[in-house]
Amino acid sequence: MKYVKLGKTDFTVSTMTLGCWAFAGGDLWGPQDDADSIATVHAALDVGINFFDTAEGYGSGHSEIMLGQALVGRRDKAVIATKVGRSHLRPQAVQEACEHSLRRLQTDYIDLYQIHWRDHSIPLVDTWAALEKLRNQGKVRAIGVCNFGMQDLAELITTGRSETNQIPYNLLWRAIEFEIRQKCIEEGIGILPYSVLMQALLTGKYASPDDVPEGRARSRHFSKNRPRSRHSEAGCETETFAAIERIRQISQKIDQPMANVAMAWLLHQPGVTSIIVGARNPKQIKRNVKAVDLALPPDIITKLNQATEEVKQKLGPNPDIWQSVSRFR
């Protein structure tokens, strides 16, 4: 495993983060056995993953509960990142939300406490003051944000110090490369990519748009006419699956699984601190972690960039995967 400094803090994190959303189970992820969740955390620790990402909103706190149970007796080996939801961004609510998360996680401090989504009706300066109060109390070690676009980043920079920006980024979703990535690099804000396999598109398991399940075929890659779509665009289905085929061919030439190539590509990108990869059982941990040690030569990085450039340009700088009117600002 490889480790890097988190932002400008004095602690290090693994370059692969275990995303714990799936521990919540429910309608989104389907049934999840709690014992599997705990075993997955243990497997992650055993292979050197020390960074765990969850949120109060994942299963109404169930993901936090599972992570907390899994870390009993091993808390000192873990760096915990969790999030305060947009409905809890007023100062008093921030304090209360943090206390609830601490209890669910069975810990007396959170390593990285993040704003999950902005509520633009609440002044950022007020929320930030509450977060800094928690840090001063020792309940939070570092503060981060999620889903901050250029406007929010500009406001953030004049408000306080964020160590990270958690945002969607992958070979098929390169919107942050237009502006956001460079701004984060300039400010020393570590990028934590999520949706790193683009809802399994980058595993190569789907041969065509029609093979993709209804709940997943609704990003801006797909036609607005797909069920459950929330955007108003024509999509770029032909371009997306042509890009996937090119990635498949590149992966075959270097004899590596597509998913590992896609994750390794992200780890080679400027500004990326750690990639957030979900897993539901120890087997998935053992499979995913191989990407950390996959060194991609410069010519392969170039070919992968070229393979997805058309999709990047067609989807443009809007970092919102799902909506034409971006929730990012």
C-alpha atoms as a PDB file:
ATOM      1  CA  MET A   1       0.000   0.000   0.000  1.00  0.00           C
ATOM      2  CA  LYS A   2       1.106   3.570  -0.644  1.00  0.00           C
ATOM      3  CA  TYR A   3       0.456   6.490   1.691  1.00  0.00           C
ATOM      4  CA  VAL A   4       0.341  10.261   1.255  1.00  0.00           C
ATOM      5  CA  LYS A   5      -0.265  13.305   3.415  1.00  0.00           C
ATOM      6  CA  LEU A   6      -3.891  14.354   3.639  1.00  0.00           C
ATOM      7  CA  GLY A   7      -3.906  17.944   2.381  1.00  0.00           C
ATOM      8  CA  LYS A   8      -1.639  19.989   4.635  1.00  0.00           C
ATOM      9  CA  THR A   9      -2.283  17.886   7.743  1.00  0.00           C
ATOM     10  CA  ASP A  10       0.367  15.931   9.610  1.00  0.00           C
ATOM     11  CA  PHE A  11      -1.246  12.524   9.065  1.00  0.00           C
ATOM     12  CA  THR A  12      -1.061  10.096   6.173  1.00  0.00           C
ATOM     13  CA  VAL A  13      -3.737   8.124   4.380  1.00  0.00           C
ATOM     14  CA  SER A  14      -3.674   5.172   2.005  1.00  0.00           C
ATOM     15  CA  THR A  15      -4.045   6.076  -1.653  1.00  0.00           C
ATOM     16  CA  MET A  16      -7.088   3.813  -1.783  1.00  0.00           C
ATOM     17  CA  THR A  17     -10.031   4.632   0.480  1.00  0.00           C
ATOM     18  CA  LEU A  18     -12.738   2.130   1.358  1.00  0.00           C
ATOM     19  CA  GLY A  19     -16.072   3.702   0.489  1.00  0.00           C
ATOM     20  CA  CYS A  20     -18.619   2.442   3.010  1.00  0.00           C
ATOM     21  CA  TRP A  21     -21.895   3.599   1.455  1.00  0.00           C
ATOM     22  CA  ALA A  22     -22.838   0.058   0.404  1.00  0.00           C
ATOM     23  CA  PHE A  23     -22.796  -1.012   4.055  1.00  0.00           C
ATOM     24  CA  ALA A  24     -26.124   0.813   4.290  1.00  0.00           C
ATOM     25  CA  GLY A  25     -27.807  -1.763   2.031  1.00  0.00           C
ATOM     26  CA  GLY A  26     -31.425  -0.817   1.318  1.00  0.00           C
ATOM     27  CA  ASP A  27     -33.116  -0.108  -1.999  1.00  0.00           C
ATOM     28  CA  LEU A  28     -30.036   1.485  -3.545  1.00  0.00           C
ATOM     29  CA  TRP A  29     -27.510  -1.267  -2.881  1.00  0.00           C
ATOM     30  CA  GLY A  30     -29.701  -4.258  -2.113  1.00  0.00           C
ATOM     31  CA  PRO A  31     -29.362  -6.509   0.939  1.00  0.00           C
ATOM     32  CA  GLN A  32     -26.037  -6.255   2.759  1.00  0.00           C
ATOM     33  CA  ASP A  33     -25.086  -8.600   5.565  1.00  0.00           C
ATOM     34  CA  ASP A  34     -23.636  -6.698   8.517  1.00  0.00           C
ATOM     35  CA  ALA A  35     -21.092  -9.454   9.096  1.00  0.00           C
ATOM     36  CA  ASP A  36     -19.843  -8.972   5.530  1.00  0.00           C
ATOM     37  CA  SER A  37     -19.471  -5.243   6.139  1.00  0.00           C
ATOM     38  CA  ILE A  38     -17.375  -5.817   9.255  1.00  0.00           C
ATOM     39  CA  ALA A  39     -15.260  -8.451   7.492  1.00  0.00           C
ATOM     40  CA  THR A  40     -14.692  -6.024   4.611  1.00  0.00           C
ATOM     41  CA  VAL A  41     -13.301  -3.366   6.948  1.00  0.00           C
ATOM     42  CA  HIS A  42     -11.016  -5.926   8.572  1.00  0.00           C
ATOM     43  CA  ALA A  43      -9.812  -7.098   5.149  1.00  0.00           C
ATOM     44  CA  ALA A  44      -9.102  -3.509   4.157  1.00  0.00           C
ATOM     45  CA  LEU A  45      -7.009  -2.929   7.273  1.00  0.00           C
ATOM     46  CA  ASP A  46      -5.150  -6.188   6.674  1.00  0.00           C
ATOM     47  CA  VAL A  47      -4.024  -5.101   3.181  1.00  0.00           C
ATOM     48  CA  GLY A  48      -2.969  -1.659   4.414  1.00  0.00           C
ATOM     49  CA  ILE A  49      -6.020   0.488   3.628  1.00  0.00           C
ATOM     50  CA  ASN A  50      -6.337   2.902   6.544  1.00  0.00           C
ATOM     51  CA  PHE A  51      -8.769   5.475   5.076  1.00  0.00           C
ATOM     52  CA  PHE A  52     -12.527   4.903   5.393  1.00  0.00           C
ATOM     53  CA  ASP A  53     -15.250   7.152   3.979  1.00  0.00           C
ATOM     54  CA  THR A  54     -18.831   7.208   5.206  1.00  0.00           C
ATOM     55  CA  ALA A  55     -21.603   9.730   5.944  1.00  0.00           C
ATOM     56  CA  GLU A  56     -24.447  10.323   8.342  1.00  0.00           C
ATOM     57  CA  GLY A  57     -26.805  10.090   5.377  1.00  0.00           C
ATOM     58  CA  TYR A  58     -25.777   6.598   4.303  1.00  0.00           C
ATOM     59  CA  GLY A  59     -28.636   4.434   5.495  1.00  0.00           C
ATOM     60  CA  SER A  60     -29.627   7.014   8.116  1.00  0.00           C
ATOM     61  CA  GLY A  61     -26.386   6.347   9.935  1.00  0.00           C
ATOM     62  CA  HIS A  62     -26.200   2.574   9.473  1.00  0.00           C
ATOM     63  CA  SER A  63     -22.978   2.791   7.468  1.00  0.00           C
ATOM     64  CA  GLU A  64     -21.359   4.738  10.316  1.00  0.00           C
ATOM     65  CA  ILE A  65     -22.609   2.164  12.811  1.00  0.00           C
ATOM     66  CA  MET A  66     -21.071  -0.703  10.829  1.00  0.00           C
ATOM     67  CA  LEU A  67     -17.758   1.091  10.442  1.00  0.00           C
ATOM     68  CA  GLY A  68     -17.684   1.889  14.140  1.00  0.00           C
ATOM     69  CA  GLN A  69     -18.358  -1.724  15.095  1.00  0.00           C
ATOM     70  CA  ALA A  70     -15.704  -2.972  12.691  1.00  0.00           C
ATOM     71  CA  LEU A  71     -13.070  -0.665  14.156  1.00  0.00           C
ATOM     72  CA  VAL A  72     -13.559  -1.638  17.785  1.00  0.00           C
ATOM     73  CA  GLY A  73     -10.079  -2.416  19.057  1.00  0.00           C
ATOM     74  CA  ARG A  74      -8.486  -1.137  15.827  1.00  0.00           C
ATOM     75  CA  ARG A  75      -9.493   2.528  15.844  1.00  0.00           C
ATOM     76  CA  ASP A  76      -5.870   3.637  16.070  1.00  0.00           C
ATOM     77  CA  LYS A  77      -5.172   1.967  12.707  1.00  0.00           C
ATOM     78  CA  ALA A  78      -7.875   3.912  10.860  1.00  0.00           C
ATOM     79  CA  VAL A  79      -8.437   7.384   9.448  1.00  0.00           C
ATOM     80  CA  ILE A  80     -12.187   8.033   9.441  1.00  0.00           C
ATOM     81  CA  ALA A  81     -13.834  10.458   7.044  1.00  0.00           C
ATOM     82  CA  THR A  82     -17.522  11.162   7.461  1.00  0.00           C
ATOM     83  CA  LYS A  83     -19.892  13.901   6.345  1.00  0.00           C
ATOM     84  CA  VAL A  84     -22.454  16.323   7.680  1.00  0.00           C
ATOM     85  CA  GLY A  85     -25.564  16.490   5.506  1.00  0.00           C
ATOM     86  CA  ARG A  86     -26.971  19.611   3.893  1.00  0.00           C
ATOM     87  CA  SER A  87     -29.921  19.674   6.306  1.00  0.00           C
ATOM     88  CA  HIS A  88     -27.501  20.036   9.248  1.00  0.00           C
ATOM     89  CA  LEU A  89     -25.338  22.966   8.160  1.00  0.00           C
ATOM     90  CA  ARG A  90     -26.594  25.587  10.594  1.00  0.00           C
ATOM     91  CA  PRO A  91     -24.118  25.985  13.466  1.00  0.00           C
ATOM     92  CA  GLN A  92     -26.102  24.239  16.201  1.00  0.00           C
ATOM     93  CA  ALA A  93     -27.092  21.440  13.828  1.00  0.00           C
ATOM     94  CA  VAL A  94     -23.456  20.914  12.829  1.00  0.00           C
ATOM     95  CA  GLN A  95     -22.529  20.373  16.470  1.00  0.00           C
ATOM     96  CA  GLU A  96     -25.412  17.965  17.047  1.00  0.00           C
ATOM     97  CA  ALA A  97     -24.756  16.026  13.833  1.00  0.00           C
ATOM     98  CA  CYS A  98     -21.126  15.568  14.791  1.00  0.00           C
ATOM     99  CA  GLU A  99     -22.074  14.256  18.239  1.00  0.00           C
ATOM    100  CA  HIS A 100     -24.437  11.713  16.656  1.00  0.00           C
ATOM    101  CA  SER A 101     -21.745  10.574  14.212  1.00  0.00           C
ATOM    102  CA  LEU A 102     -19.222  10.197  17.024  1.00  0.00           C
ATOM    103  CA  ARG A 103     -21.611   7.942  18.927  1.00  0.00           C
ATOM    104  CA  ARG A 104     -22.409   5.812  15.883  1.00  0.00           C
ATOM    105  CA  LEU A 105     -18.720   5.485  15.036  1.00  0.00           C
ATOM    106  CA  GLN A 106     -17.836   4.653  18.670  1.00  0.00           C
ATOM    107  CA  THR A 107     -15.016   7.178  18.692  1.00  0.00           C
ATOM    108  CA  ASP A 108     -14.221  10.475  20.364  1.00  0.00           C
ATOM    109  CA  TYR A 109     -12.800  12.128  17.248  1.00  0.00           C
ATOM    110  CA  ILE A 110     -13.351  12.213  13.483  1.00  0.00           C
ATOM    111  CA  ASP A 111     -10.240  12.515  11.340  1.00  0.00           C
ATOM    112  CA  LEU A 112     -11.874  14.275   8.369  1.00  0.00           C
ATOM    113  CA  TYR A 113     -15.296  15.910   8.718  1.00  0.00           C
ATOM    114  CA  GLN A 114     -16.773  16.992   5.389  1.00  0.00           C
ATOM    115  CA  ILE A 115     -19.652  19.119   4.136  1.00  0.00           C
ATOM    116  CA  HIS A 116     -21.560  16.624   2.007  1.00  0.00           C
ATOM    117  CA  TRP A 117     -23.476  19.120  -0.156  1.00  0.00           C
ATOM    118  CA  ARG A 118     -23.831  22.878   0.154  1.00  0.00           C
ATOM    119  CA  ASP A 119     -27.078  24.491   1.185  1.00  0.00           C
ATOM    120  CA  HIS A 120     -26.632  27.893  -0.409  1.00  0.00           C
ATOM    121  CA  SER A 121     -29.299  29.430   1.807  1.00  0.00           C
ATOM    122  CA  ILE A 122     -26.912  29.003   4.754  1.00  0.00           C
ATOM    123  CA  PRO A 123     -23.787  31.215   4.776  1.00  0.00           C
ATOM    124  CA  LEU A 124     -20.655  29.118   4.401  1.00  0.00           C
ATOM    125  CA  VAL A 125     -18.896  31.305   6.956  1.00  0.00           C
ATOM    126  CA  ASP A 126     -21.416  30.242   9.625  1.00  0.00           C
ATOM    127  CA  THR A 127     -21.044  26.541   8.876  1.00  0.00           C
ATOM    128  CA  TRP A 128     -17.275  26.865   8.761  1.00  0.00           C
ATOM    129  CA  ALA A 129     -17.122  28.569  12.135  1.00  0.00           C
ATOM    130  CA  ALA A 130     -19.030  25.621  13.618  1.00  0.00           C
ATOM    131  CA  LEU A 131     -16.652  23.138  11.968  1.00  0.00           C
ATOM    132  CA  GLU A 132     -13.626  25.015  13.267  1.00  0.00           C
ATOM    133  CA  LYS A 133     -15.148  25.009  16.752  1.00  0.00           C
ATOM    134  CA  LEU A 134     -15.355  21.217  16.552  1.00  0.00           C
ATOM    135  CA  ARG A 135     -11.728  21.090  15.481  1.00  0.00           C
ATOM    136  CA  ASN A 136     -10.716  23.324  18.371  1.00  0.00           C
ATOM    137  CA  GLN A 137     -12.595  20.995  20.717  1.00  0.00           C
ATOM    138  CA  GLY A 138     -10.592  18.042  19.393  1.00  0.00           C
ATOM    139  CA  LYS A 139     -13.669  16.306  18.008  1.00  0.00           C
ATOM    140  CA  VAL A 140     -12.482  16.827  14.425  1.00  0.00           C
ATOM    141  CA  ARG A 141      -8.882  16.677  13.200  1.00  0.00           C
ATOM    142  CA  ALA A 142      -9.380  18.138   9.707  1.00  0.00           C
ATOM    143  CA  ILE A 143     -12.172  19.708   7.659  1.00  0.00           C
ATOM    144  CA  GLY A 144     -13.078  18.916   4.065  1.00  0.00           C
ATOM    145  CA  VAL A 145     -15.776  19.485   1.480  1.00  0.00           C
ATOM    146  CA  CYS A 146     -17.565  17.448  -1.140  1.00  0.00           C
ATOM    147  CA  ASN A 147     -19.018  18.486  -4.480  1.00  0.00           C
ATOM    148  CA  PHE A 148     -17.582  22.008  -4.528  1.00  0.00           C
ATOM    149  CA  GLY A 149     -17.414  23.649  -7.951  1.00  0.00           C
ATOM    150  CA  MET A 150     -15.503  26.760  -8.920  1.00  0.00           C
ATOM    151  CA  GLN A 151     -17.860  29.280  -7.309  1.00  0.00           C
ATOM    152  CA  ASP A 152     -17.967  27.393  -4.020  1.00  0.00           C
ATOM    153  CA  LEU A 153     -14.200  26.908  -4.068  1.00  0.00           C
ATOM    154  CA  ALA A 154     -13.675  30.640  -4.552  1.00  0.00           C
ATOM    155  CA  GLU A 155     -15.854  31.360  -1.518  1.00  0.00           C
ATOM    156  CA  LEU A 156     -14.212  28.584   0.470  1.00  0.00           C
ATOM    157  CA  ILE A 157     -10.708  29.921  -0.108  1.00  0.00           C
ATOM    158  CA  THR A 158     -11.647  33.222   1.534  1.00  0.00           C
ATOM    159  CA  THR A 159     -13.479  31.489   4.397  1.00  0.00           C
ATOM    160  CA  GLY A 160     -11.232  28.791   5.791  1.00  0.00           C
ATOM    161  CA  ARG A 161      -8.864  25.929   5.124  1.00  0.00           C
ATOM    162  CA  SER A 162     -10.299  22.782   3.526  1.00  0.00           C
ATOM    163  CA  GLU A 163      -7.955  19.822   3.209  1.00  0.00           C
ATOM    164  CA  THR A 164      -9.950  17.978   0.567  1.00  0.00           C
ATOM    165  CA  ASN A 165     -12.646  18.164  -2.092  1.00  0.00           C
ATOM    166  CA  GLN A 166     -14.482  14.898  -2.688  1.00  0.00           C
ATOM    167  CA  ILE A 167     -15.855  14.943  -6.209  1.00  0.00           C
ATOM    168  CA  PRO A 168     -16.782  12.538  -9.057  1.00  0.00           C
ATOM    169  CA  TYR A 169     -13.824  11.753 -11.296  1.00  0.00           C
ATOM    170  CA  ASN A 170     -12.991   8.819 -13.542  1.00  0.00           C
ATOM    171  CA  LEU A 171     -11.878   7.989 -17.072  1.00  0.00           C
ATOM    172  CA  LEU A 172     -15.402   8.551 -18.397  1.00  0.00           C
ATOM    173  CA  TRP A 173     -16.102  11.571 -16.191  1.00  0.00           C
ATOM    174  CA  ARG A 174     -13.302  14.115 -16.522  1.00  0.00           C
ATOM    175  CA  ALA A 175     -15.266  17.326 -15.947  1.00  0.00           C
ATOM    176  CA  ILE A 176     -13.014  18.493 -13.119  1.00  0.00           C
ATOM    177  CA  GLU A 177     -10.095  18.677 -15.552  1.00  0.00           C
ATOM    178  CA  PHE A 178     -11.536  21.828 -17.144  1.00  0.00           C
ATOM    179  CA  GLU A 179     -11.089  24.050 -14.055  1.00  0.00           C
ATOM    180  CA  ILE A 180     -11.725  22.423 -10.687  1.00  0.00           C
ATOM    181  CA  ARG A 181      -8.680  20.166 -10.578  1.00  0.00           C
ATOM    182  CA  GLN A 182      -6.230  22.986 -11.221  1.00  0.00           C
ATOM    183  CA  LYS A 183      -7.838  25.203  -8.588  1.00  0.00           C
ATOM    184  CA  CYS A 184      -7.556  22.404  -6.014  1.00  0.00           C
ATOM    185  CA  ILE A 185      -3.904  21.879  -6.929  1.00  0.00           C
ATOM    186  CA  GLU A 186      -3.154  25.589  -6.611  1.00  0.00           C
ATOM    187  CA  GLU A 187      -4.736  25.715  -3.153  1.00  0.00           C
ATOM    188  CA  GLY A 188      -3.259  22.466  -1.887  1.00  0.00           C
ATOM    189  CA  ILE A 189      -6.707  20.884  -1.582  1.00  0.00           C
ATOM    190  CA  GLY A 190      -6.460  17.117  -2.009  1.00  0.00           C
ATOM    191  CA  ILE A 191      -8.876  15.567  -4.501  1.00  0.00           C
ATOM    192  CA  LEU A 192     -10.813  12.498  -3.332  1.00  0.00           C
ATOM    193  CA  PRO A 193     -12.472  10.995  -6.429  1.00  0.00           C
ATOM    194  CA  TYR A 194     -15.676   9.028  -6.082  1.00  0.00           C
ATOM    195  CA  SER A 195     -17.611   7.030  -8.704  1.00  0.00           C
ATOM    196  CA  VAL A 196     -14.190   5.851  -9.835  1.00  0.00           C
ATOM    197  CA  LEU A 197     -15.633   3.035 -11.977  1.00  0.00           C
ATOM    198  CA  MET A 198     -18.570   5.089 -13.252  1.00  0.00           C
ATOM    199  CA  GLN A 199     -21.286   2.794 -11.919  1.00  0.00           C
ATOM    200  CA  ALA A 200     -19.446  -0.299 -13.224  1.00  0.00           C
ATOM    201  CA  LEU A 201     -19.162   0.993 -16.808  1.00  0.00           C
ATOM    202  CA  LEU A 202     -15.380   0.890 -16.402  1.00  0.00           C
ATOM    203  CA  THR A 203     -15.381  -2.767 -15.382  1.00  0.00           C
ATOM    204  CA  GLY A 204     -16.304  -3.716 -18.940  1.00  0.00           C
ATOM    205  CA  LYS A 205     -19.297  -5.770 -17.837  1.00  0.00           C
ATOM    206  CA  TYR A 206     -21.724  -3.981 -20.183  1.00  0.00           C
ATOM    207  CA  ALA A 207     -21.362  -4.386 -23.949  1.00  0.00           C
ATOM    208  CA  SER A 208     -23.948  -1.774 -24.934  1.00  0.00           C
ATOM    209  CA  PRO A 209     -26.156   0.953 -23.406  1.00  0.00           C
ATOM    210  CA  ASP A 210     -29.125  -1.397 -23.414  1.00  0.00           C
ATOM    211  CA  ASP A 211     -27.247  -3.858 -21.181  1.00  0.00           C
ATOM    212  CA  VAL A 212     -26.939  -1.297 -18.403  1.00  0.00           C
ATOM    213  CA  PRO A 213     -29.590  -1.640 -15.658  1.00  0.00           C
ATOM    214  CA  GLU A 214     -32.254   1.054 -15.530  1.00  0.00           C
ATOM    215  CA  GLY A 215     -30.992   2.549 -12.281  1.00  0.00           C
ATOM    216  CA  ARG A 216     -27.502   3.029 -13.709  1.00  0.00           C
ATOM    217  CA  ALA A 217     -28.342   4.084 -17.263  1.00  0.00           C
ATOM    218  CA  ARG A 218     -29.390   7.548 -16.197  1.00  0.00           C
ATOM    219  CA  SER A 219     -26.180   9.579 -16.094  1.00  0.00           C
ATOM    220  CA  ARG A 220     -25.521  12.275 -18.671  1.00  0.00           C
ATOM    221  CA  HIS A 221     -23.713   9.665 -20.758  1.00  0.00           C
ATOM    222  CA  PHE A 222     -27.129   8.237 -21.596  1.00  0.00           C
ATOM    223  CA  SER A 223     -30.121   9.620 -23.458  1.00  0.00           C
ATOM    224  CA  LYS A 224     -32.584  11.797 -21.588  1.00  0.00           C
ATOM    225  CA  ASN A 225     -35.218   9.271 -22.667  1.00  0.00           C
ATOM    226  CA  ARG A 226     -33.799   6.536 -20.441  1.00  0.00           C
ATOM    227  CA  PRO A 227     -35.985   5.663 -17.420  1.00  0.00           C
ATOM    228  CA  ARG A 228     -35.269   7.692 -14.264  1.00  0.00           C
ATOM    229  CA  SER A 229     -33.107  10.172 -16.153  1.00  0.00           C
ATOM    230  CA  ARG A 230     -32.921  13.634 -14.533  1.00  0.00           C
ATOM    231  CA  HIS A 231     -31.159  15.533 -17.315  1.00  0.00           C
ATOM    232  CA  SER A 232     -32.367  17.074 -20.576  1.00  0.00           C
ATOM    233  CA  GLU A 233     -29.531  16.056 -22.903  1.00  0.00           C
ATOM    234  CA  ALA A 234     -29.166  13.737 -25.855  1.00  0.00           C
ATOM    235  CA  GLY A 235     -26.341  11.974 -24.062  1.00  0.00           C
ATOM    236  CA  CYS A 236     -23.373  10.376 -25.768  1.00  0.00           C
ATOM    237  CA  GLU A 237     -24.085   6.675 -25.694  1.00  0.00           C
ATOM    238  CA  THR A 238     -22.256   5.846 -28.926  1.00  0.00           C
ATOM    239  CA  GLU A 239     -19.175   7.822 -27.883  1.00  0.00           C
ATOM    240  CA  THR A 240     -19.198   6.369 -24.367  1.00  0.00           C
ATOM    241  CA  PHE A 241     -19.272   2.752 -25.473  1.00  0.00           C
ATOM    242  CA  ALA A 242     -16.707   3.381 -28.197  1.00  0.00           C
ATOM    243  CA  ALA A 243     -14.450   4.792 -25.456  1.00  0.00           C
ATOM    244  CA  ILE A 244     -15.116   1.766 -23.251  1.00  0.00           C
ATOM    245  CA  GLU A 245     -14.088  -0.516 -26.093  1.00  0.00           C
ATOM    246  CA  ARG A 246     -10.859   1.431 -26.590  1.00  0.00           C
ATOM    247  CA  ILE A 247     -10.113   1.162 -22.859  1.00  0.00           C
ATOM    248  CA  ARG A 248     -10.820  -2.570 -23.043  1.00  0.00           C
ATOM    249  CA  GLN A 249      -8.324  -2.990 -25.880  1.00  0.00           C
ATOM    250  CA  ILE A 250      -5.642  -0.985 -24.068  1.00  0.00           C
ATOM    251  CA  SER A 251      -6.189  -3.062 -20.933  1.00  0.00           C
ATOM    252  CA  GLN A 252      -5.921  -6.311 -22.885  1.00  0.00           C
ATOM    253  CA  LYS A 253      -2.631  -5.218 -24.438  1.00  0.00           C
ATOM    254  CA  ILE A 254      -1.064  -4.748 -21.016  1.00  0.00           C
ATOM    255  CA  ASP A 255      -2.837  -7.848 -19.662  1.00  0.00           C
ATOM    256  CA  GLN A 256      -4.671  -6.055 -16.872  1.00  0.00           C
ATOM    257  CA  PRO A 257      -8.342  -5.988 -15.823  1.00  0.00           C
ATOM    258  CA  MET A 258     -10.159  -2.908 -17.081  1.00  0.00           C
ATOM    259  CA  ALA A 259     -11.251  -1.887 -13.614  1.00  0.00           C
ATOM    260  CA  ASN A 260      -7.686  -1.926 -12.311  1.00  0.00           C
ATOM    261  CA  VAL A 261      -6.474   0.116 -15.265  1.00  0.00           C
ATOM    262  CA  ALA A 262      -9.212   2.692 -14.665  1.00  0.00           C
ATOM    263  CA  MET A 263      -8.356   2.980 -10.968  1.00  0.00           C
ATOM    264  CA  ALA A 264      -4.627   3.106 -11.642  1.00  0.00           C
ATOM    265  CA  TRP A 265      -5.179   5.874 -14.209  1.00  0.00           C
ATOM    266  CA  LEU A 266      -6.833   7.971 -11.495  1.00  0.00           C
ATOM    267  CA  LEU A 267      -3.942   7.370  -9.127  1.00  0.00           C
ATOM    268  CA  HIS A 268      -1.605   8.819 -11.759  1.00  0.00           C
ATOM    269  CA  GLN A 269      -3.596  12.057 -12.054  1.00  0.00           C
ATOM    270  CA  PRO A 270      -2.285  15.354 -10.631  1.00  0.00           C
ATOM    271  CA  GLY A 271      -3.895  16.469  -7.387  1.00  0.00           C
ATOM    272  CA  VAL A 272      -5.455  13.120  -6.498  1.00  0.00           C
ATOM    273  CA  THR A 273      -4.846  12.129  -2.874  1.00  0.00           C
ATOM    274  CA  SER A 274      -6.826   8.907  -2.546  1.00  0.00           C
ATOM    275  CA  ILE A 275      -9.463   7.183  -4.662  1.00  0.00           C
ATOM    276  CA  ILE A 276     -12.695   6.102  -2.973  1.00  0.00           C
ATOM    277  CA  VAL A 277     -13.579   2.549  -3.957  1.00  0.00           C
ATOM    278  CA  GLY A 278     -16.584   0.724  -2.561  1.00  0.00           C
ATOM    279  CA  ALA A 279     -16.510  -2.935  -1.527  1.00  0.00           C
ATOM    280  CA  ARG A 280     -19.062  -5.230   0.073  1.00  0.00           C
ATOM    281  CA  ASN A 281     -16.920  -8.243   0.950  1.00  0.00           C
ATOM    282  CA  PRO A 282     -13.256  -9.166   1.495  1.00  0.00           C
ATOM    283  CA  LYS A 283     -12.944 -10.690  -1.984  1.00  0.00           C
ATOM    284  CA  GLN A 284     -13.633  -7.298  -3.563  1.00  0.00           C
ATOM    285  CA  ILE A 285     -10.989  -5.685  -1.342  1.00  0.00           C
ATOM    286  CA  LYS A 286      -8.339  -8.155  -2.478  1.00  0.00           C
ATOM    287  CA  ARG A 287      -9.285  -7.550  -6.111  1.00  0.00           C
ATOM    288  CA  ASN A 288      -9.385  -3.749  -5.916  1.00  0.00           C
ATOM    289  CA  VAL A 289      -6.158  -3.230  -3.997  1.00  0.00           C
ATOM    290  CA  LYS A 290      -4.092  -4.579  -6.893  1.00  0.00           C
ATOM    291  CA  ALA A 291      -4.687  -1.284  -8.708  1.00  0.00           C
ATOM    292  CA  VAL A 292      -2.528   0.588  -6.198  1.00  0.00           C
ATOM    293  CA  ASP A 293       0.647  -1.115  -7.391  1.00  0.00           C
ATOM    294  CA  LEU A 294      -0.201  -0.935 -11.088  1.00  0.00           C
ATOM    295  CA  ALA A 295       2.273   1.493 -12.650  1.00  0.00           C
ATOM    296  CA  LEU A 296       1.049   2.735 -16.005  1.00  0.00           C
ATOM    297  CA  PRO A 297       3.738   3.908 -18.457  1.00  0.00           C
ATOM    298  CA  PRO A 298       3.341   7.462 -19.835  1.00  0.00           C
ATOM    299  CA  ASP A 299       2.350   6.169 -23.279  1.00  0.00           C
ATOM    300  CA  ILE A 300      -0.519   4.144 -21.759  1.00  0.00           C
ATOM    301  CA  ILE A 301      -1.717   7.195 -19.816  1.00  0.00           C
ATOM    302  CA  THR A 302      -1.699   9.149 -23.082  1.00  0.00           C
ATOM    303  CA  LYS A 303      -3.648   6.445 -24.895  1.00  0.00           C
ATOM    304  CA  LEU A 304      -6.248   6.304 -22.121  1.00  0.00           C
ATOM    305  CA  ASN A 305      -6.615  10.088 -22.220  1.00  0.00           C
ATOM    306  CA  GLN A 306      -7.101   9.952 -25.969  1.00  0.00           C
ATOM    307  CA  ALA A 307      -9.575   7.089 -25.644  1.00  0.00           C
ATOM    308  CA  THR A 308     -11.961   9.211 -23.571  1.00  0.00           C
ATOM    309  CA  GLU A 309     -11.232  12.726 -24.877  1.00  0.00           C
ATOM    310  CA  GLU A 310     -14.299  12.795 -27.112  1.00  0.00           C
ATOM    311  CA  VAL A 311     -16.573  11.908 -24.183  1.00  0.00           C
ATOM    312  CA  LYS A 312     -14.858  14.514 -22.011  1.00  0.00           C
ATOM    313  CA  GLN A 313     -15.418  17.260 -24.565  1.00  0.00           C
ATOM    314  CA  LYS A 314     -19.021  16.297 -25.293  1.00  0.00           C
ATOM    315  CA  LEU A 315     -20.039  16.203 -21.615  1.00  0.00           C
ATOM    316  CA  GLY A 316     -18.151  19.413 -20.908  1.00  0.00           C
ATOM    317  CA  PRO A 317     -17.203  21.110 -17.622  1.00  0.00           C
ATOM    318  CA  ASN A 318     -20.461  20.508 -15.722  1.00  0.00           C
ATOM    319  CA  PRO A 319     -19.275  18.206 -12.893  1.00  0.00           C
ATOM    320  CA  ASP A 320     -22.789  16.942 -12.106  1.00  0.00           C
ATOM    321  CA  ILE A 321     -23.079  13.391 -13.404  1.00  0.00           C
ATOM    322  CA  TRP A 322     -26.851  13.297 -13.266  1.00  0.00           C
ATOM    323  CA  GLN A 323     -28.294  16.753 -13.972  1.00  0.00           C
ATOM    324  CA  SER A 324     -27.985  19.363 -16.702  1.00  0.00           C
ATOM    325  CA  VAL A 325     -28.610  22.134 -14.208  1.00  0.00           C
ATOM    326  CA  SER A 326     -25.680  21.417 -11.946  1.00  0.00           C
ATOM    327  CA  ARG A 327     -25.979  21.133  -8.192  1.00  0.00           C
ATOM    328  CA  PHE A 328     -22.303  22.107  -8.085  1.00  0.00           C
ATOM    329  CA  ARG A 329     -21.484  25.807  -8.002  1.00  0.00           C
END
